[in-house]
Amino acid sequence: VERSRGLGDVYKRQLNRLLRLPFKHISKDIYMEWNVVRKPFSVINCIFMSEDGILAKGYDKRIMLVASLNHERYYHELLNELLEDDTVFIDVGAHLGAFSLRVAKRCRNGVVIALEPDPRNYYYLVQNIMLNNLTNIIALPIAAYSESDRILTFWFGTSSGESSLLPDWDVIKGTKLKVLAKKLDDVVEMVGVEKVDLIKIDVEGAEHYVLEGAVSALKKHHPVLFLEVHGKKQWGYVSKFLFRLDYRIRVVRISPLNEYHRNTVAYWKNDARAEEIIEKHIPEVIRK
């Protein structure tokens, strides 16, 4: 049986090469990409290694968000100075693990709590945790929300990084499923960590739901926030919300397509260490 299967694969490859041959001198793109049977391999079959030694798998081109440090480099640079060996980091919208994997690798005595409700992303997030032999990441397939133990509709995006709780986001129409949602405050209590040092929130327009469910953690632990804000309405809400909690918010990048699509970092006004590190970097990162 195994021998027959192998011969079949060889036959398919030879057939495909023969059928592509006429395009060799007509269209290089067709010659290189076209496969009448099936593509010999895809991104799903690959394991990527980043420049800082992270191994990663994925299912679409956004695997490069993990494999490359160029995406949101300003956050990675800030993390290099903010992280300590015992940092507790919460990654809301962990995707395939671009931040979770690196923080867990750097903070061997710390804990990473990675929340990813998209089942496709969650599968590869867990695969990537195992690939890197990391034992200090707690990966949960849930959505962060303003209430706990809610079953919510979750919409698949057109790519792995664009899924959202919001039906008017950039989604494939009709592609949805139900997910469990919890408040971050309850997640912190459930996991049993005694502190929270840093929270990254990238949830494609649902930022206010996450913040409303994290009030106790923000007041008690005063974590630094890496927060991607989507839209003018969200910006107004986030700014007022954090101001009421005595947080200072700094913009590190503004999208060239939308002035209210902003990558920000926020810190509690009495956190002298965070202030020194973040304010030193702001004039540099805002230009990138």
C-alpha atoms as a PDB file:
ATOM      1  CA  VAL A   1       0.000   0.000   0.000  1.00  0.00           C
ATOM      2  CA  GLU A   2       2.798   2.401   0.921  1.00  0.00           C
ATOM      3  CA  ARG A   3       4.657   1.602  -2.312  1.00  0.00           C
ATOM      4  CA  SER A   4       1.572   2.312  -4.423  1.00  0.00           C
ATOM      5  CA  ARG A   5       1.010   5.609  -2.692  1.00  0.00           C
ATOM      6  CA  GLY A   6       4.617   6.656  -3.334  1.00  0.00           C
ATOM      7  CA  LEU A   7       4.409   5.766  -7.023  1.00  0.00           C
ATOM      8  CA  GLY A   8       1.213   7.763  -7.256  1.00  0.00           C
ATOM      9  CA  ASP A   9       2.935  10.854  -5.881  1.00  0.00           C
ATOM     10  CA  VAL A  10       5.822  10.461  -8.319  1.00  0.00           C
ATOM     11  CA  TYR A  11       3.361  10.098 -11.205  1.00  0.00           C
ATOM     12  CA  LYS A  12       1.513  13.262 -10.157  1.00  0.00           C
ATOM     13  CA  ARG A  13       4.700  15.285  -9.945  1.00  0.00           C
ATOM     14  CA  GLN A  14       5.897  14.122 -13.343  1.00  0.00           C
ATOM     15  CA  LEU A  15       2.487  14.780 -14.898  1.00  0.00           C
ATOM     16  CA  ASN A  16       2.415  18.254 -13.419  1.00  0.00           C
ATOM     17  CA  ARG A  17       5.927  19.064 -14.714  1.00  0.00           C
ATOM     18  CA  LEU A  18       4.943  17.906 -18.184  1.00  0.00           C
ATOM     19  CA  LEU A  19       1.790  20.027 -18.265  1.00  0.00           C
ATOM     20  CA  ARG A  20       3.640  23.113 -16.982  1.00  0.00           C
ATOM     21  CA  LEU A  21       6.442  22.826 -19.518  1.00  0.00           C
ATOM     22  CA  PRO A  22       4.717  24.776 -22.366  1.00  0.00           C
ATOM     23  CA  PHE A  23       4.562  27.818 -20.084  1.00  0.00           C
ATOM     24  CA  LYS A  24       8.295  27.849 -19.334  1.00  0.00           C
ATOM     25  CA  HIS A  25       9.102  30.423 -22.020  1.00  0.00           C
ATOM     26  CA  ILE A  26       5.688  32.108 -22.068  1.00  0.00           C
ATOM     27  CA  SER A  27       4.945  33.009 -18.451  1.00  0.00           C
ATOM     28  CA  LYS A  28       7.429  32.433 -15.673  1.00  0.00           C
ATOM     29  CA  ASP A  29       4.748  33.031 -13.008  1.00  0.00           C
ATOM     30  CA  ILE A  30       2.485  30.323 -14.418  1.00  0.00           C
ATOM     31  CA  TYR A  31       5.410  27.966 -14.859  1.00  0.00           C
ATOM     32  CA  MET A  32       6.542  28.442 -11.255  1.00  0.00           C
ATOM     33  CA  GLU A  33       3.140  28.480  -9.542  1.00  0.00           C
ATOM     34  CA  TRP A  34       0.665  26.445 -11.564  1.00  0.00           C
ATOM     35  CA  ASN A  35      -0.123  22.920 -10.455  1.00  0.00           C
ATOM     36  CA  VAL A  36      -2.808  20.959 -12.268  1.00  0.00           C
ATOM     37  CA  VAL A  37      -2.933  18.279  -9.563  1.00  0.00           C
ATOM     38  CA  ARG A  38      -2.178  20.190  -6.420  1.00  0.00           C
ATOM     39  CA  LYS A  39       0.547  22.495  -5.209  1.00  0.00           C
ATOM     40  CA  PRO A  40       3.553  20.438  -4.093  1.00  0.00           C
ATOM     41  CA  PHE A  41       3.493  22.198  -0.733  1.00  0.00           C
ATOM     42  CA  SER A  42       1.918  25.215   0.913  1.00  0.00           C
ATOM     43  CA  VAL A  43       2.644  27.402   3.922  1.00  0.00           C
ATOM     44  CA  ILE A  44       0.836  24.819   6.061  1.00  0.00           C
ATOM     45  CA  ASN A  45       3.632  22.348   5.365  1.00  0.00           C
ATOM     46  CA  CYS A  46       6.426  24.712   6.404  1.00  0.00           C
ATOM     47  CA  ILE A  47       8.122  25.463   9.690  1.00  0.00           C
ATOM     48  CA  PHE A  48       9.637  28.942   9.743  1.00  0.00           C
ATOM     49  CA  MET A  49      12.507  30.130  11.918  1.00  0.00           C
ATOM     50  CA  SER A  50      12.701  33.812  12.804  1.00  0.00           C
ATOM     51  CA  GLU A  51      15.890  35.818  13.143  1.00  0.00           C
ATOM     52  CA  ASP A  52      15.636  35.511  16.938  1.00  0.00           C
ATOM     53  CA  GLY A  53      15.229  31.732  16.850  1.00  0.00           C
ATOM     54  CA  ILE A  54      11.443  31.318  17.133  1.00  0.00           C
ATOM     55  CA  LEU A  55       9.958  28.327  15.282  1.00  0.00           C
ATOM     56  CA  ALA A  56       6.477  28.813  13.861  1.00  0.00           C
ATOM     57  CA  LYS A  57       3.789  27.215  11.715  1.00  0.00           C
ATOM     58  CA  GLY A  58       0.667  28.780  10.225  1.00  0.00           C
ATOM     59  CA  TYR A  59      -1.918  28.487   7.474  1.00  0.00           C
ATOM     60  CA  ASP A  60      -1.713  31.757   5.527  1.00  0.00           C
ATOM     61  CA  LYS A  61       0.777  34.508   4.708  1.00  0.00           C
ATOM     62  CA  ARG A  62       0.306  36.128   8.118  1.00  0.00           C
ATOM     63  CA  ILE A  63       2.665  33.528   9.520  1.00  0.00           C
ATOM     64  CA  MET A  64       5.240  36.211   8.696  1.00  0.00           C
ATOM     65  CA  LEU A  65       3.930  38.227  11.649  1.00  0.00           C
ATOM     66  CA  VAL A  66       5.566  35.546  13.792  1.00  0.00           C
ATOM     67  CA  ALA A  67       8.547  34.744  11.607  1.00  0.00           C
ATOM     68  CA  SER A  68       9.637  38.373  11.217  1.00  0.00           C
ATOM     69  CA  LEU A  69      10.406  41.049  13.797  1.00  0.00           C
ATOM     70  CA  ASN A  70       9.658  43.832  11.304  1.00  0.00           C
ATOM     71  CA  HIS A  71       5.927  43.821  12.036  1.00  0.00           C
ATOM     72  CA  GLU A  72       5.282  46.113  15.026  1.00  0.00           C
ATOM     73  CA  ARG A  73       8.999  46.321  15.694  1.00  0.00           C
ATOM     74  CA  TYR A  74       8.388  49.261  18.056  1.00  0.00           C
ATOM     75  CA  TYR A  75       6.528  46.903  20.411  1.00  0.00           C
ATOM     76  CA  HIS A  76       9.328  44.338  20.285  1.00  0.00           C
ATOM     77  CA  GLU A  77      11.886  47.033  21.086  1.00  0.00           C
ATOM     78  CA  LEU A  78       9.868  48.261  24.059  1.00  0.00           C
ATOM     79  CA  LEU A  79       9.408  44.695  25.284  1.00  0.00           C
ATOM     80  CA  ASN A  80      13.155  44.149  25.282  1.00  0.00           C
ATOM     81  CA  GLU A  81      13.468  46.808  27.992  1.00  0.00           C
ATOM     82  CA  LEU A  82      10.213  46.290  29.883  1.00  0.00           C
ATOM     83  CA  LEU A  83      10.420  42.523  30.357  1.00  0.00           C
ATOM     84  CA  GLU A  84      11.981  40.914  33.405  1.00  0.00           C
ATOM     85  CA  ASP A  85      12.665  37.269  34.158  1.00  0.00           C
ATOM     86  CA  ASP A  86       9.410  36.835  36.130  1.00  0.00           C
ATOM     87  CA  THR A  87       7.089  39.000  34.005  1.00  0.00           C
ATOM     88  CA  VAL A  88       3.409  38.004  33.849  1.00  0.00           C
ATOM     89  CA  PHE A  89       2.116  38.835  30.374  1.00  0.00           C
ATOM     90  CA  ILE A  90      -1.458  38.565  29.044  1.00  0.00           C
ATOM     91  CA  ASP A  91      -1.801  38.365  25.266  1.00  0.00           C
ATOM     92  CA  VAL A  92      -5.372  39.167  24.200  1.00  0.00           C
ATOM     93  CA  GLY A  93      -5.759  38.186  20.567  1.00  0.00           C
ATOM     94  CA  ALA A  94      -2.605  36.069  20.600  1.00  0.00           C
ATOM     95  CA  HIS A  95      -2.981  35.021  16.940  1.00  0.00           C
ATOM     96  CA  LEU A  96      -0.190  32.507  16.179  1.00  0.00           C
ATOM     97  CA  GLY A  97       2.014  33.638  19.059  1.00  0.00           C
ATOM     98  CA  ALA A  98       4.251  36.450  17.768  1.00  0.00           C
ATOM     99  CA  PHE A  99       4.386  38.052  21.211  1.00  0.00           C
ATOM    100  CA  SER A 100       3.475  35.145  23.481  1.00  0.00           C
ATOM    101  CA  LEU A 101       6.274  32.913  22.218  1.00  0.00           C
ATOM    102  CA  ARG A 102       8.941  35.579  22.582  1.00  0.00           C
ATOM    103  CA  VAL A 103       7.865  36.709  26.033  1.00  0.00           C
ATOM    104  CA  ALA A 104       7.686  33.121  27.299  1.00  0.00           C
ATOM    105  CA  LYS A 105      11.148  32.397  25.902  1.00  0.00           C
ATOM    106  CA  ARG A 106      12.618  35.524  27.486  1.00  0.00           C
ATOM    107  CA  CYS A 107      10.818  35.296  30.854  1.00  0.00           C
ATOM    108  CA  ARG A 108      11.549  31.741  31.935  1.00  0.00           C
ATOM    109  CA  ASN A 109      10.293  32.335  35.482  1.00  0.00           C
ATOM    110  CA  GLY A 110       7.287  34.288  34.293  1.00  0.00           C
ATOM    111  CA  VAL A 111       3.876  33.303  32.947  1.00  0.00           C
ATOM    112  CA  VAL A 112       2.177  34.067  29.640  1.00  0.00           C
ATOM    113  CA  ILE A 113      -1.612  33.852  29.355  1.00  0.00           C
ATOM    114  CA  ALA A 114      -2.542  33.733  25.663  1.00  0.00           C
ATOM    115  CA  LEU A 115      -6.192  34.198  24.651  1.00  0.00           C
ATOM    116  CA  GLU A 116      -7.173  33.282  21.083  1.00  0.00           C
ATOM    117  CA  PRO A 117     -10.825  32.491  20.235  1.00  0.00           C
ATOM    118  CA  ASP A 118     -10.301  31.771  16.512  1.00  0.00           C
ATOM    119  CA  PRO A 119     -10.056  27.936  16.434  1.00  0.00           C
ATOM    120  CA  ARG A 120      -7.784  27.995  13.377  1.00  0.00           C
ATOM    121  CA  ASN A 121      -5.334  30.347  15.070  1.00  0.00           C
ATOM    122  CA  TYR A 122      -5.596  28.534  18.390  1.00  0.00           C
ATOM    123  CA  TYR A 123      -4.617  25.230  16.791  1.00  0.00           C
ATOM    124  CA  TYR A 124      -1.417  26.709  15.353  1.00  0.00           C
ATOM    125  CA  LEU A 125      -0.729  28.726  18.505  1.00  0.00           C
ATOM    126  CA  VAL A 126      -0.614  25.462  20.460  1.00  0.00           C
ATOM    127  CA  GLN A 127       1.527  23.870  17.732  1.00  0.00           C
ATOM    128  CA  ASN A 128       3.986  26.760  17.985  1.00  0.00           C
ATOM    129  CA  ILE A 129       4.160  26.515  21.768  1.00  0.00           C
ATOM    130  CA  MET A 130       5.130  22.849  21.427  1.00  0.00           C
ATOM    131  CA  LEU A 131       7.594  23.553  18.609  1.00  0.00           C
ATOM    132  CA  ASN A 132       9.488  25.928  20.903  1.00  0.00           C
ATOM    133  CA  ASN A 133       9.319  23.639  23.966  1.00  0.00           C
ATOM    134  CA  LEU A 134       7.706  26.351  26.075  1.00  0.00           C
ATOM    135  CA  THR A 135       6.050  25.294  29.329  1.00  0.00           C
ATOM    136  CA  ASN A 136       5.187  28.704  30.774  1.00  0.00           C
ATOM    137  CA  ILE A 137       2.360  29.619  28.371  1.00  0.00           C
ATOM    138  CA  ILE A 138      -1.285  29.030  29.260  1.00  0.00           C
ATOM    139  CA  ALA A 139      -3.216  29.121  25.977  1.00  0.00           C
ATOM    140  CA  LEU A 140      -6.987  29.532  26.261  1.00  0.00           C
ATOM    141  CA  PRO A 141      -9.468  29.367  23.334  1.00  0.00           C
ATOM    142  CA  ILE A 142     -11.670  32.131  24.712  1.00  0.00           C
ATOM    143  CA  ALA A 143     -12.514  35.759  23.929  1.00  0.00           C
ATOM    144  CA  ALA A 144     -11.905  38.569  26.410  1.00  0.00           C
ATOM    145  CA  TYR A 145     -15.140  40.467  27.021  1.00  0.00           C
ATOM    146  CA  SER A 146     -16.960  42.797  29.415  1.00  0.00           C
ATOM    147  CA  GLU A 147     -18.917  39.885  30.929  1.00  0.00           C
ATOM    148  CA  SER A 148     -17.975  36.330  31.831  1.00  0.00           C
ATOM    149  CA  ASP A 149     -19.393  33.001  30.719  1.00  0.00           C
ATOM    150  CA  ARG A 150     -21.126  34.447  27.679  1.00  0.00           C
ATOM    151  CA  ILE A 151     -21.449  32.509  24.424  1.00  0.00           C
ATOM    152  CA  LEU A 152     -20.879  35.033  21.655  1.00  0.00           C
ATOM    153  CA  THR A 153     -20.902  35.029  17.874  1.00  0.00           C
ATOM    154  CA  PHE A 154     -17.382  35.250  16.488  1.00  0.00           C
ATOM    155  CA  TRP A 155     -16.774  36.246  12.866  1.00  0.00           C
ATOM    156  CA  PHE A 156     -13.963  34.862  10.742  1.00  0.00           C
ATOM    157  CA  GLY A 157     -11.863  37.462   8.933  1.00  0.00           C
ATOM    158  CA  THR A 158     -10.596  37.329   5.382  1.00  0.00           C
ATOM    159  CA  SER A 159      -7.216  36.346   6.811  1.00  0.00           C
ATOM    160  CA  SER A 160      -6.003  34.832  10.060  1.00  0.00           C
ATOM    161  CA  GLY A 161      -5.402  38.206  11.696  1.00  0.00           C
ATOM    162  CA  GLU A 162      -8.767  39.848  11.021  1.00  0.00           C
ATOM    163  CA  SER A 163     -11.350  37.846  12.981  1.00  0.00           C
ATOM    164  CA  SER A 164     -13.526  39.775  15.420  1.00  0.00           C
ATOM    165  CA  LEU A 165     -16.522  39.794  17.738  1.00  0.00           C
ATOM    166  CA  LEU A 166     -17.929  42.601  15.595  1.00  0.00           C
ATOM    167  CA  PRO A 167     -20.134  41.592  12.627  1.00  0.00           C
ATOM    168  CA  ASP A 168     -19.306  44.749  10.663  1.00  0.00           C
ATOM    169  CA  TRP A 169     -15.579  44.037  10.624  1.00  0.00           C
ATOM    170  CA  ASP A 170     -13.719  42.937   7.481  1.00  0.00           C
ATOM    171  CA  VAL A 171     -15.145  39.426   7.481  1.00  0.00           C
ATOM    172  CA  ILE A 172     -16.208  36.708   5.107  1.00  0.00           C
ATOM    173  CA  LYS A 173     -19.964  37.187   5.102  1.00  0.00           C
ATOM    174  CA  GLY A 174     -21.772  34.383   6.915  1.00  0.00           C
ATOM    175  CA  THR A 175     -18.603  32.750   8.276  1.00  0.00           C
ATOM    176  CA  LYS A 176     -19.117  32.617  12.023  1.00  0.00           C
ATOM    177  CA  LEU A 177     -19.152  30.374  15.056  1.00  0.00           C
ATOM    178  CA  LYS A 178     -19.865  30.554  18.768  1.00  0.00           C
ATOM    179  CA  VAL A 179     -17.091  31.177  21.300  1.00  0.00           C
ATOM    180  CA  LEU A 180     -16.846  31.356  25.084  1.00  0.00           C
ATOM    181  CA  ALA A 181     -16.130  34.821  26.485  1.00  0.00           C
ATOM    182  CA  LYS A 182     -14.735  35.817  29.880  1.00  0.00           C
ATOM    183  CA  LYS A 183     -13.659  38.978  31.672  1.00  0.00           C
ATOM    184  CA  LEU A 184      -9.904  39.355  31.992  1.00  0.00           C
ATOM    185  CA  ASP A 185     -10.423  39.908  35.712  1.00  0.00           C
ATOM    186  CA  ASP A 186     -11.906  36.425  35.972  1.00  0.00           C
ATOM    187  CA  VAL A 187      -9.161  34.909  33.819  1.00  0.00           C
ATOM    188  CA  VAL A 188      -6.527  36.366  36.160  1.00  0.00           C
ATOM    189  CA  GLU A 189      -8.332  34.912  39.161  1.00  0.00           C
ATOM    190  CA  MET A 190      -8.859  31.547  37.443  1.00  0.00           C
ATOM    191  CA  VAL A 191      -5.180  31.178  36.514  1.00  0.00           C
ATOM    192  CA  GLY A 192      -4.076  32.288  39.971  1.00  0.00           C
ATOM    193  CA  VAL A 193      -1.284  34.733  39.141  1.00  0.00           C
ATOM    194  CA  GLU A 194      -0.387  37.193  41.873  1.00  0.00           C
ATOM    195  CA  LYS A 195       0.494  40.053  39.539  1.00  0.00           C
ATOM    196  CA  VAL A 196       0.018  41.258  35.958  1.00  0.00           C
ATOM    197  CA  ASP A 197       2.871  43.245  34.453  1.00  0.00           C
ATOM    198  CA  LEU A 198       1.873  43.724  30.831  1.00  0.00           C
ATOM    199  CA  ILE A 199      -1.220  43.227  28.660  1.00  0.00           C
ATOM    200  CA  LYS A 200      -1.245  43.279  24.869  1.00  0.00           C
ATOM    201  CA  ILE A 201      -4.683  43.835  23.287  1.00  0.00           C
ATOM    202  CA  ASP A 202      -5.248  43.389  19.552  1.00  0.00           C
ATOM    203  CA  VAL A 203      -8.893  42.474  19.001  1.00  0.00           C
ATOM    204  CA  GLU A 204      -9.895  44.193  15.757  1.00  0.00           C
ATOM    205  CA  GLY A 205     -12.296  46.825  17.066  1.00  0.00           C
ATOM    206  CA  ALA A 206     -13.531  45.202  20.300  1.00  0.00           C
ATOM    207  CA  GLU A 207     -11.048  47.026  22.563  1.00  0.00           C
ATOM    208  CA  HIS A 208     -13.691  48.569  24.828  1.00  0.00           C
ATOM    209  CA  TYR A 209     -15.150  45.146  25.696  1.00  0.00           C
ATOM    210  CA  VAL A 210     -11.733  43.914  26.821  1.00  0.00           C
ATOM    211  CA  LEU A 211     -11.003  46.997  28.928  1.00  0.00           C
ATOM    212  CA  GLU A 212     -14.416  46.928  30.613  1.00  0.00           C
ATOM    213  CA  GLY A 213     -13.703  43.386  31.754  1.00  0.00           C
ATOM    214  CA  ALA A 214     -10.250  44.246  33.124  1.00  0.00           C
ATOM    215  CA  VAL A 215     -10.999  47.131  35.510  1.00  0.00           C
ATOM    216  CA  SER A 216     -10.004  45.255  38.676  1.00  0.00           C
ATOM    217  CA  ALA A 217      -6.713  44.045  37.175  1.00  0.00           C
ATOM    218  CA  LEU A 218      -5.863  47.539  35.936  1.00  0.00           C
ATOM    219  CA  LYS A 219      -6.619  49.144  39.310  1.00  0.00           C
ATOM    220  CA  LYS A 220      -4.819  46.483  41.360  1.00  0.00           C
ATOM    221  CA  HIS A 221      -1.784  45.588  39.213  1.00  0.00           C
ATOM    222  CA  HIS A 222      -1.334  48.673  36.983  1.00  0.00           C
ATOM    223  CA  PRO A 223       0.061  46.704  34.010  1.00  0.00           C
ATOM    224  CA  VAL A 224       1.613  48.393  31.000  1.00  0.00           C
ATOM    225  CA  LEU A 225      -0.733  48.141  28.000  1.00  0.00           C
ATOM    226  CA  PHE A 226       0.141  47.543  24.355  1.00  0.00           C
ATOM    227  CA  LEU A 227      -3.149  48.429  22.736  1.00  0.00           C
ATOM    228  CA  GLU A 228      -4.115  48.588  19.060  1.00  0.00           C
ATOM    229  CA  VAL A 229      -7.054  50.963  18.647  1.00  0.00           C
ATOM    230  CA  HIS A 230      -9.355  50.687  15.625  1.00  0.00           C
ATOM    231  CA  GLY A 231     -11.414  53.737  14.688  1.00  0.00           C
ATOM    232  CA  LYS A 232     -12.375  57.164  15.995  1.00  0.00           C
ATOM    233  CA  LYS A 233     -15.121  55.861  18.299  1.00  0.00           C
ATOM    234  CA  GLN A 234     -12.771  53.361  19.915  1.00  0.00           C
ATOM    235  CA  TRP A 235     -10.077  56.007  20.285  1.00  0.00           C
ATOM    236  CA  GLY A 236     -12.445  58.317  22.142  1.00  0.00           C
ATOM    237  CA  TYR A 237     -13.598  55.539  24.455  1.00  0.00           C
ATOM    238  CA  VAL A 238     -10.125  54.151  25.155  1.00  0.00           C
ATOM    239  CA  SER A 239      -8.635  57.584  25.865  1.00  0.00           C
ATOM    240  CA  LYS A 240     -11.357  58.517  28.366  1.00  0.00           C
ATOM    241  CA  PHE A 241     -11.362  55.075  29.981  1.00  0.00           C
ATOM    242  CA  LEU A 242      -7.619  55.049  30.613  1.00  0.00           C
ATOM    243  CA  PHE A 243      -7.606  58.678  31.785  1.00  0.00           C
ATOM    244  CA  ARG A 244     -10.143  57.801  34.483  1.00  0.00           C
ATOM    245  CA  LEU A 245      -7.798  55.042  35.694  1.00  0.00           C
ATOM    246  CA  ASP A 246      -4.829  57.439  35.854  1.00  0.00           C
ATOM    247  CA  TYR A 247      -3.143  55.975  32.785  1.00  0.00           C
ATOM    248  CA  ARG A 248      -1.088  57.902  30.276  1.00  0.00           C
ATOM    249  CA  ILE A 249      -1.531  56.785  26.679  1.00  0.00           C
ATOM    250  CA  ARG A 250       1.117  57.293  24.019  1.00  0.00           C
ATOM    251  CA  VAL A 251       0.760  56.723  20.270  1.00  0.00           C
ATOM    252  CA  VAL A 252       3.645  54.802  18.711  1.00  0.00           C
ATOM    253  CA  ARG A 253       2.204  54.407  15.219  1.00  0.00           C
ATOM    254  CA  ILE A 254      -0.650  55.865  13.172  1.00  0.00           C
ATOM    255  CA  SER A 255      -1.871  53.950  10.142  1.00  0.00           C
ATOM    256  CA  PRO A 256      -1.322  55.837   6.880  1.00  0.00           C
ATOM    257  CA  LEU A 257      -4.801  54.695   5.798  1.00  0.00           C
ATOM    258  CA  ASN A 258      -6.738  55.776   8.897  1.00  0.00           C
ATOM    259  CA  GLU A 259      -5.561  58.350  11.435  1.00  0.00           C
ATOM    260  CA  TYR A 260      -7.637  56.644  14.154  1.00  0.00           C
ATOM    261  CA  HIS A 261      -6.124  53.218  13.598  1.00  0.00           C
ATOM    262  CA  ARG A 262      -3.383  53.584  16.173  1.00  0.00           C
ATOM    263  CA  ASN A 263      -0.863  51.420  17.946  1.00  0.00           C
ATOM    264  CA  THR A 264      -0.457  52.735  21.457  1.00  0.00           C
ATOM    265  CA  VAL A 265       1.298  52.023  24.724  1.00  0.00           C
ATOM    266  CA  ALA A 266      -0.175  53.097  28.068  1.00  0.00           C
ATOM    267  CA  TYR A 267       1.195  53.098  31.606  1.00  0.00           C
ATOM    268  CA  TRP A 268       0.017  54.042  35.084  1.00  0.00           C
ATOM    269  CA  LYS A 269       1.098  57.571  35.967  1.00  0.00           C
ATOM    270  CA  ASN A 270       2.972  56.441  39.118  1.00  0.00           C
ATOM    271  CA  ASP A 271       4.953  53.683  37.352  1.00  0.00           C
ATOM    272  CA  ALA A 272       8.331  55.434  37.235  1.00  0.00           C
ATOM    273  CA  ARG A 273      10.172  52.564  35.531  1.00  0.00           C
ATOM    274  CA  ALA A 274       7.604  52.254  32.716  1.00  0.00           C
ATOM    275  CA  GLU A 275       7.555  56.023  32.264  1.00  0.00           C
ATOM    276  CA  GLU A 276      11.331  56.209  31.902  1.00  0.00           C
ATOM    277  CA  ILE A 277      11.486  53.394  29.346  1.00  0.00           C
ATOM    278  CA  ILE A 278       8.438  54.355  27.295  1.00  0.00           C
ATOM    279  CA  GLU A 279       8.990  58.112  27.150  1.00  0.00           C
ATOM    280  CA  LYS A 280      12.590  57.537  26.060  1.00  0.00           C
ATOM    281  CA  HIS A 281      11.365  55.512  23.075  1.00  0.00           C
ATOM    282  CA  ILE A 282       8.350  57.546  21.957  1.00  0.00           C
ATOM    283  CA  PRO A 283      10.212  60.173  19.846  1.00  0.00           C
ATOM    284  CA  GLU A 284      12.028  57.353  18.075  1.00  0.00           C
ATOM    285  CA  VAL A 285       9.205  54.912  17.427  1.00  0.00           C
ATOM    286  CA  ILE A 286       6.600  57.425  16.299  1.00  0.00           C
ATOM    287  CA  ARG A 287       8.684  58.061  13.152  1.00  0.00           C
ATOM    288  CA  LYS A 288       8.744  54.380  12.098  1.00  0.00           C
END
